Amino acid sequence: MNSIVNAAFPATVLGVYFRPSGWLYFVDLVFGMALVAGSEEIVFRRCARDAFQPYLGNGYASVVATSLLFGCYHWWAGLGTIVVATMIGILLMLSFSDPTPCGRWLLPII
């Protein structure tokens, strides 16, 4: 979906993700992704949710607002990346706020 939207709107793509090779690929895949994912989870799942909670409550409006913010954080990679990141953000936030044991215990660890 990302490539389809970016092909339809090519002027929105301002950059591409760095593609390392060799041993740097492994280091980037393991440590780089862990650091990026961890920092994004802290910023968007905790800080942004807590910042929007007094105004939007703890419901779906807060999920959509933080997910849109998460998607807009990836603006430089194009409109397709914004759409995909927003959808992933919505899915992650809904699973984070899920009242089942998986949502309560597993996802706060991540």
C-alpha atoms as a PDB file:
ATOM      1  CA  MET A   1       0.000   0.000   0.000  1.00  0.00           C
ATOM      2  CA  ASN A   2       2.880   2.310   0.808  1.00  0.00           C
ATOM      3  CA  SER A   3       4.355   2.064  -2.683  1.00  0.00           C
ATOM      4  CA  ILE A   4       0.951   2.487  -4.361  1.00  0.00           C
ATOM      5  CA  VAL A   5       0.170   5.729  -2.547  1.00  0.00           C
ATOM      6  CA  ASN A   6       3.716   7.027  -3.025  1.00  0.00           C
ATOM      7  CA  ALA A   7       3.513   6.202  -6.754  1.00  0.00           C
ATOM      8  CA  ALA A   8       0.243   8.153  -6.985  1.00  0.00           C
ATOM      9  CA  PHE A   9       1.764  11.123  -5.131  1.00  0.00           C
ATOM     10  CA  PRO A  10       5.500  11.076  -5.971  1.00  0.00           C
ATOM     11  CA  ALA A  11       6.090  14.673  -4.903  1.00  0.00           C
ATOM     12  CA  THR A  12       5.339  13.762  -1.290  1.00  0.00           C
ATOM     13  CA  VAL A  13       8.423  11.532  -0.982  1.00  0.00           C
ATOM     14  CA  LEU A  14      11.282  13.648   0.328  1.00  0.00           C
ATOM     15  CA  GLY A  15      13.705  10.868   1.269  1.00  0.00           C
ATOM     16  CA  VAL A  16      14.257   7.147   1.574  1.00  0.00           C
ATOM     17  CA  TYR A  17      15.288   4.895   4.399  1.00  0.00           C
ATOM     18  CA  PHE A  18      18.999   4.102   4.581  1.00  0.00           C
ATOM     19  CA  ARG A  19      19.799   0.572   3.334  1.00  0.00           C
ATOM     20  CA  PRO A  20      22.955  -0.662   5.082  1.00  0.00           C
ATOM     21  CA  SER A  21      24.857  -3.702   3.843  1.00  0.00           C
ATOM     22  CA  GLY A  22      27.202  -6.268   5.331  1.00  0.00           C
ATOM     23  CA  TRP A  23      27.649  -6.413   9.099  1.00  0.00           C
ATOM     24  CA  LEU A  24      26.099  -2.971   9.473  1.00  0.00           C
ATOM     25  CA  TYR A  25      22.805  -4.409   8.222  1.00  0.00           C
ATOM     26  CA  PHE A  26      22.667  -6.843  11.160  1.00  0.00           C
ATOM     27  CA  VAL A  27      23.625  -4.175  13.693  1.00  0.00           C
ATOM     28  CA  ASP A  28      21.061  -1.750  12.297  1.00  0.00           C
ATOM     29  CA  LEU A  29      18.360  -4.403  12.110  1.00  0.00           C
ATOM     30  CA  VAL A  30      18.798  -5.542  15.700  1.00  0.00           C
ATOM     31  CA  PHE A  31      19.917  -2.514  17.681  1.00  0.00           C
ATOM     32  CA  GLY A  32      18.713   0.322  15.461  1.00  0.00           C
ATOM     33  CA  MET A  33      15.181  -0.997  15.161  1.00  0.00           C
ATOM     34  CA  ALA A  34      15.019  -1.741  18.878  1.00  0.00           C
ATOM     35  CA  LEU A  35      16.104   1.788  19.779  1.00  0.00           C
ATOM     36  CA  VAL A  36      13.761   3.424  17.261  1.00  0.00           C
ATOM     37  CA  ALA A  37      10.808   1.252  18.212  1.00  0.00           C
ATOM     38  CA  GLY A  38      11.420   1.806  21.912  1.00  0.00           C
ATOM     39  CA  SER A  39      11.686   5.564  21.610  1.00  0.00           C
ATOM     40  CA  GLU A  40       8.606   5.813  19.380  1.00  0.00           C
ATOM     41  CA  GLU A  41       6.615   3.690  21.790  1.00  0.00           C
ATOM     42  CA  ILE A  42       7.597   5.932  24.690  1.00  0.00           C
ATOM     43  CA  VAL A  43       6.832   9.146  22.817  1.00  0.00           C
ATOM     44  CA  PHE A  44       3.597   8.183  21.092  1.00  0.00           C
ATOM     45  CA  ARG A  45       2.072   5.515  23.302  1.00  0.00           C
ATOM     46  CA  ARG A  46       2.876   7.121  26.636  1.00  0.00           C
ATOM     47  CA  CYS A  47       3.727  10.817  26.371  1.00  0.00           C
ATOM     48  CA  ALA A  48       1.347  11.816  23.570  1.00  0.00           C
ATOM     49  CA  ARG A  49      -1.476   9.736  24.995  1.00  0.00           C
ATOM     50  CA  ASP A  50      -1.010  11.318  28.401  1.00  0.00           C
ATOM     51  CA  ALA A  51      -0.831  14.806  26.840  1.00  0.00           C
ATOM     52  CA  PHE A  52      -4.070  14.336  24.875  1.00  0.00           C
ATOM     53  CA  GLN A  53      -5.949  12.494  27.612  1.00  0.00           C
ATOM     54  CA  PRO A  54      -7.237  15.588  29.488  1.00  0.00           C
ATOM     55  CA  TYR A  55      -8.689  16.992  26.269  1.00  0.00           C
ATOM     56  CA  LEU A  56      -9.837  13.866  24.429  1.00  0.00           C
ATOM     57  CA  GLY A  57     -10.352  11.335  27.195  1.00  0.00           C
ATOM     58  CA  ASN A  58      -9.032   7.813  27.019  1.00  0.00           C
ATOM     59  CA  GLY A  59     -11.225   6.657  24.143  1.00  0.00           C
ATOM     60  CA  TYR A  60     -11.041   6.422  20.397  1.00  0.00           C
ATOM     61  CA  ALA A  61     -10.450  10.149  19.862  1.00  0.00           C
ATOM     62  CA  SER A  62      -7.194   9.875  21.782  1.00  0.00           C
ATOM     63  CA  VAL A  63      -6.218   6.797  19.753  1.00  0.00           C
ATOM     64  CA  VAL A  64      -6.867   8.576  16.458  1.00  0.00           C
ATOM     65  CA  ALA A  65      -5.069  11.770  17.540  1.00  0.00           C
ATOM     66  CA  THR A  66      -1.911  10.001  18.710  1.00  0.00           C
ATOM     67  CA  SER A  67      -1.940   7.734  15.653  1.00  0.00           C
ATOM     68  CA  LEU A  68      -2.204  10.726  13.314  1.00  0.00           C
ATOM     69  CA  LEU A  69       0.673  12.320  15.171  1.00  0.00           C
ATOM     70  CA  PHE A  70       2.621   9.066  14.798  1.00  0.00           C
ATOM     71  CA  GLY A  71       1.878   9.013  11.066  1.00  0.00           C
ATOM     72  CA  CYS A  72       2.860  12.655  10.591  1.00  0.00           C
ATOM     73  CA  TYR A  73       6.147  11.922  12.350  1.00  0.00           C
ATOM     74  CA  HIS A  74       7.047   9.897   9.230  1.00  0.00           C
ATOM     75  CA  TRP A  75       6.143  12.736   6.830  1.00  0.00           C
ATOM     76  CA  TRP A  76       9.462  12.828   4.988  1.00  0.00           C
ATOM     77  CA  ALA A  77       9.022   9.290   3.587  1.00  0.00           C
ATOM     78  CA  GLY A  78       5.870  10.227   1.678  1.00  0.00           C
ATOM     79  CA  LEU A  79       2.117  10.153   1.942  1.00  0.00           C
ATOM     80  CA  GLY A  80       2.035   6.360   1.683  1.00  0.00           C
ATOM     81  CA  THR A  81       4.235   6.017   4.738  1.00  0.00           C
ATOM     82  CA  ILE A  82       2.048   8.481   6.638  1.00  0.00           C
ATOM     83  CA  VAL A  83      -1.064   6.420   5.823  1.00  0.00           C
ATOM     84  CA  VAL A  84       0.576   3.102   6.729  1.00  0.00           C
ATOM     85  CA  ALA A  85       2.156   4.479   9.920  1.00  0.00           C
ATOM     86  CA  THR A  86      -1.193   5.965  10.991  1.00  0.00           C
ATOM     87  CA  MET A  87      -2.975   2.652  10.429  1.00  0.00           C
ATOM     88  CA  ILE A  88      -0.263   0.773  12.327  1.00  0.00           C
ATOM     89  CA  GLY A  89      -0.490   3.377  15.084  1.00  0.00           C
ATOM     90  CA  ILE A  90      -4.242   2.854  15.376  1.00  0.00           C
ATOM     91  CA  LEU A  91      -3.826  -0.919  15.559  1.00  0.00           C
ATOM     92  CA  LEU A  92      -1.083  -0.677  18.168  1.00  0.00           C
ATOM     93  CA  MET A  93      -2.983   1.834  20.286  1.00  0.00           C
ATOM     94  CA  LEU A  94      -6.158  -0.270  20.166  1.00  0.00           C
ATOM     95  CA  SER A  95      -4.213  -3.356  21.172  1.00  0.00           C
ATOM     96  CA  PHE A  96      -2.452  -1.353  23.893  1.00  0.00           C
ATOM     97  CA  SER A  97      -5.773  -0.265  25.378  1.00  0.00           C
ATOM     98  CA  ASP A  98      -7.257  -3.763  24.994  1.00  0.00           C
ATOM     99  CA  PRO A  99      -8.637  -4.965  28.348  1.00  0.00           C
ATOM    100  CA  THR A 100      -7.638  -8.579  27.694  1.00  0.00           C
ATOM    101  CA  PRO A 101      -4.622 -10.018  29.548  1.00  0.00           C
ATOM    102  CA  CYS A 102      -2.507  -9.662  26.392  1.00  0.00           C
ATOM    103  CA  GLY A 103      -3.251  -5.946  26.189  1.00  0.00           C
ATOM    104  CA  ARG A 104      -2.751  -5.369  29.892  1.00  0.00           C
ATOM    105  CA  TRP A 105       0.415  -7.364  30.453  1.00  0.00           C
ATOM    106  CA  LEU A 106       2.271  -7.971  27.221  1.00  0.00           C
ATOM    107  CA  LEU A 107       2.083  -4.656  25.382  1.00  0.00           C
ATOM    108  CA  PRO A 108       3.075  -2.341  28.265  1.00  0.00           C
ATOM    109  CA  ILE A 109       6.328  -4.313  28.405  1.00  0.00           C
ATOM    110  CA  ILE A 110       7.085  -3.443  24.761  1.00  0.00           C
END
